[in-house]
C-alpha atoms as a PDB file:
ATOM      1  CA  MET A   1     144.677 114.465 114.171  1.00  0.00           C
ATOM      2  CA  GLU A   2     143.573 113.244 110.277  1.00  0.00           C
ATOM      3  CA  LEU A   3     145.569 109.686 109.163  1.00  0.00           C
ATOM      4  CA  PHE A   4     145.731 109.173 105.780  1.00  0.00           C
ATOM      5  CA  HIS A   5     147.067 105.998 103.610  1.00  0.00           C
ATOM      6  CA  LEU A   6     148.760 107.554 100.219  1.00  0.00           C
ATOM      7  CA  GLU A   7     147.820 104.292  98.478  1.00  0.00           C
ATOM      8  CA  THR A   8     144.559 104.143  99.487  1.00  0.00           C
ATOM      9  CA  GLU A   9     143.544 107.456  98.685  1.00  0.00           C
ATOM     10  CA  GLN A  10     145.750 107.019  94.732  1.00  0.00           C
ATOM     11  CA  GLU A  11     143.288 107.748  91.678  1.00  0.00           C
ATOM     12  CA  PHE A  12     144.174 107.631  87.943  1.00  0.00           C
ATOM     13  CA  ARG A  13     142.894 108.962  84.522  1.00  0.00           C
ATOM     14  CA  ALA A  14     143.551 108.818  81.536  1.00  0.00           C
ATOM     15  CA  ALA A  15     142.787 112.314  80.276  1.00  0.00           C
ATOM     16  CA  THR A  16     144.538 114.014  83.050  1.00  0.00           C
ATOM     17  CA  HIS A  17     146.203 114.128  86.330  1.00  0.00           C
ATOM     18  CA  VAL A  18     144.108 113.901  89.622  1.00  0.00           C
ATOM     19  CA  GLU A  19     144.825 115.989  92.325  1.00  0.00           C
ATOM     20  CA  LYS A  20     142.453 114.778  95.049  1.00  0.00           C
ATOM     21  CA  ILE A  21     142.338 117.401  98.232  1.00  0.00           C
ATOM     22  CA  LEU A  22     142.228 115.058 101.502  1.00  0.00           C
ATOM     23  CA  GLY A  23     142.263 117.742 103.986  1.00  0.00           C
ATOM     24  CA  ARG A  24     141.714 121.943 104.272  1.00  0.00           C
ATOM     25  CA  TYR A  25     143.254 123.750 106.942  1.00  0.00           C
ATOM     26  CA  ASP A  26     143.514 127.250 108.139  1.00  0.00           C
ATOM     27  CA  GLN A  27     146.768 127.899 106.046  1.00  0.00           C
ATOM     28  CA  GLY A  28     146.440 125.555 103.489  1.00  0.00           C
ATOM     29  CA  ASP A  29     145.971 121.813 102.312  1.00  0.00           C
ATOM     30  CA  VAL A  30     147.412 118.332 101.971  1.00  0.00           C
ATOM     31  CA  THR A  31     146.921 116.632  98.873  1.00  0.00           C
ATOM     32  CA  VAL A  32     147.499 113.717  96.770  1.00  0.00           C
ATOM     33  CA  ALA A  33     148.207 114.310  93.140  1.00  0.00           C
ATOM     34  CA  CYS A  34     148.496 110.850  90.411  1.00  0.00           C
ATOM     35  CA  TRP A  35     149.875 110.902  87.191  1.00  0.00           C
ATOM     36  CA  GLU A  36     149.993 108.270  84.124  1.00  0.00           C
ATOM     37  CA  PRO A  37     153.108 107.991  81.858  1.00  0.00           C
ATOM     38  CA  GLY A  38     153.694 111.506  79.990  1.00  0.00           C
ATOM     39  CA  GLN A  39     150.675 113.887  81.579  1.00  0.00           C
ATOM     40  CA  VAL A  40     152.532 117.743  82.011  1.00  0.00           C
ATOM     41  CA  SER A  41     150.812 119.875  84.673  1.00  0.00           C
ATOM     42  CA  PRO A  42     149.751 123.185  83.646  1.00  0.00           C
ATOM     43  CA  ASP A  43     152.588 125.988  84.411  1.00  0.00           C
ATOM     44  CA  HIS A  44     151.475 127.441  87.280  1.00  0.00           C
ATOM     45  CA  ALA A  45     151.873 129.751  90.371  1.00  0.00           C
ATOM     46  CA  HIS A  46     150.520 130.457  94.055  1.00  0.00           C
ATOM     47  CA  PRO A  47     151.205 133.589  94.411  1.00  0.00           C
ATOM     48  CA  GLU A  48     150.483 133.250  98.575  1.00  0.00           C
ATOM     49  CA  ALA A  49     151.169 130.209  99.350  1.00  0.00           C
ATOM     50  CA  VAL A  50     154.325 127.571  99.065  1.00  0.00           C
ATOM     51  CA  GLU A  51     153.691 124.266  97.748  1.00  0.00           C
ATOM     52  CA  ILE A  52     155.428 121.503  98.543  1.00  0.00           C
ATOM     53  CA  TYR A  53     155.699 118.017  96.536  1.00  0.00           C
ATOM     54  CA  PHE A  54     157.124 114.974  97.829  1.00  0.00           C
ATOM     55  CA  CYS A  55     157.382 111.789  95.355  1.00  0.00           C
ATOM     56  CA  PHE A  56     156.115 108.466  96.793  1.00  0.00           C
ATOM     57  CA  LYS A  57     156.088 106.345  93.925  1.00  0.00           C
ATOM     58  CA  GLY A  58     157.202 106.930  90.031  1.00  0.00           C
ATOM     59  CA  GLY A  59     158.373 110.137  89.600  1.00  0.00           C
ATOM     60  CA  GLY A  60     159.183 113.174  86.397  1.00  0.00           C
ATOM     61  CA  VAL A  61     160.887 116.265  85.876  1.00  0.00           C
ATOM     62  CA  MET A  62     160.108 119.624  87.916  1.00  0.00           C
ATOM     63  CA  ARG A  63     160.510 122.903  85.789  1.00  0.00           C
ATOM     64  CA  THR A  64     160.916 126.366  87.127  1.00  0.00           C
ATOM     65  CA  ASP A  65     162.041 129.708  84.735  1.00  0.00           C
ATOM     66  CA  GLU A  66     165.133 129.039  86.388  1.00  0.00           C
ATOM     67  CA  ASP A  67     165.879 125.014  86.726  1.00  0.00           C
ATOM     68  CA  GLU A  68     164.885 121.877  86.394  1.00  0.00           C
ATOM     69  CA  ALA A  69     165.408 118.595  88.397  1.00  0.00           C
ATOM     70  CA  ALA A  70     164.376 115.222  87.830  1.00  0.00           C
ATOM     71  CA  ILE A  71     161.875 114.175  91.473  1.00  0.00           C
ATOM     72  CA  GLY A  72     162.248 110.256  92.158  1.00  0.00           C
ATOM     73  CA  PRO A  73     160.582 108.343  95.309  1.00  0.00           C
ATOM     74  CA  GLY A  74     161.765 110.401  98.718  1.00  0.00           C
ATOM     75  CA  GLY A  75     162.424 113.217  96.844  1.00  0.00           C
ATOM     76  CA  PHE A  76     160.766 116.266  97.711  1.00  0.00           C
ATOM     77  CA  VAL A  77     160.498 120.043  95.570  1.00  0.00           C
ATOM     78  CA  VAL A  78     159.643 123.438  97.807  1.00  0.00           C
ATOM     79  CA  HIS A  79     158.509 126.389  95.647  1.00  0.00           C
ATOM     80  CA  PRO A  80     158.471 129.422  97.152  1.00  0.00           C
ATOM     81  CA  ARG A  81     155.153 132.101  96.385  1.00  0.00           C
ATOM     82  CA  GLY A  82     155.135 132.866  93.321  1.00  0.00           C
ATOM     83  CA  GLU A  83     157.209 130.954  92.250  1.00  0.00           C
ATOM     84  CA  PHE A  84     155.934 129.368  88.481  1.00  0.00           C
ATOM     85  CA  HIS A  85     156.696 125.609  88.173  1.00  0.00           C
ATOM     86  CA  GLU A  86     155.555 122.766  85.861  1.00  0.00           C
ATOM     87  CA  TYR A  87     155.629 119.062  86.102  1.00  0.00           C
ATOM     88  CA  THR A  88     155.904 115.939  83.702  1.00  0.00           C
ATOM     89  CA  ASN A  89     156.165 112.936  84.818  1.00  0.00           C
ATOM     90  CA  GLY A  90     158.123 109.700  83.676  1.00  0.00           C
ATOM     91  CA  GLU A  91     157.602 106.355  82.182  1.00  0.00           C
ATOM     92  CA  ASP A  92     155.630 105.091  84.821  1.00  0.00           C
ATOM     93  CA  ARG A  93     152.312 105.805  87.259  1.00  0.00           C
ATOM     94  CA  THR A  94     153.750 108.758  89.653  1.00  0.00           C
ATOM     95  CA  LEU A  95     152.018 109.738  92.927  1.00  0.00           C
ATOM     96  CA  LEU A  96     152.911 112.333  95.006  1.00  0.00           C
ATOM     97  CA  PHE A  97     152.496 114.261  98.398  1.00  0.00           C
ATOM     98  CA  ARG A  98     151.063 117.997  98.160  1.00  0.00           C
ATOM     99  CA  VAL A  99     151.041 120.656 100.498  1.00  0.00           C
ATOM    100  CA  ARG A 100     149.814 124.061 100.096  1.00  0.00           C
ATOM    101  CA  TYR A 101     150.300 126.188 102.558  1.00  0.00           C
ATOM    102  CA  GLY A 102     150.213 130.193 102.846  1.00  0.00           C
ATOM    103  CA  SER A 103     147.169 133.071 103.251  1.00  0.00           C
ATOM    104  CA  ASP A 104     145.286 132.300 100.156  1.00  0.00           C
ATOM    105  CA  VAL A 105     146.559 128.675  98.125  1.00  0.00           C
ATOM    106  CA  ARG A 106     145.139 130.253  94.793  1.00  0.00           C
ATOM    107  CA  THR A 107     146.614 128.592  91.611  1.00  0.00           C
ATOM    108  CA  ILE A 108     147.238 131.210  88.472  1.00  0.00           C
ATOM    109  CA  GLN A 109     148.263 129.595  85.595  1.00  0.00           C
ATOM    110  CA  ARG A 110     150.564 130.631  82.060  1.00  0.00           C
ATOM    111  CA  ASN A 111     151.074 129.746  79.006  1.00  0.00           C
ATOM    112  CA  ARG A 112     155.115 128.456  79.436  1.00  0.00           C
ATOM    113  CA  VAL A 113     157.711 130.445  76.712  1.00  0.00           C
ATOM    114  CA  GLU A 114     160.416 128.102  75.595  1.00  0.00           C
ATOM    115  CA  HIS A 115     163.587 129.644  75.479  1.00  0.00           C
END
């Protein structure tokens, strides 16, 4: 068993959001993702892994090719394998807890095409 405290593990940077891997396991990892106001993630997917974001504090907007949803404290988003997604942080610092699990947690990125 491993025990983590999200507020103790948080780390923020002005230049870019921080994804701090807390533990790696046979089929994935657990991470804290820390966001300053207005920061945006790359549009990305994990072809062989499911990704789950849980919002601990703050919030923003998660986008996929088909949908857009606001996420705030207590909310979480599940991205199936291969689903491209992009997160834009809101006006406050945000702390997200992330779990990726699958046979390979590698990330592929693309440039988002606006419709």
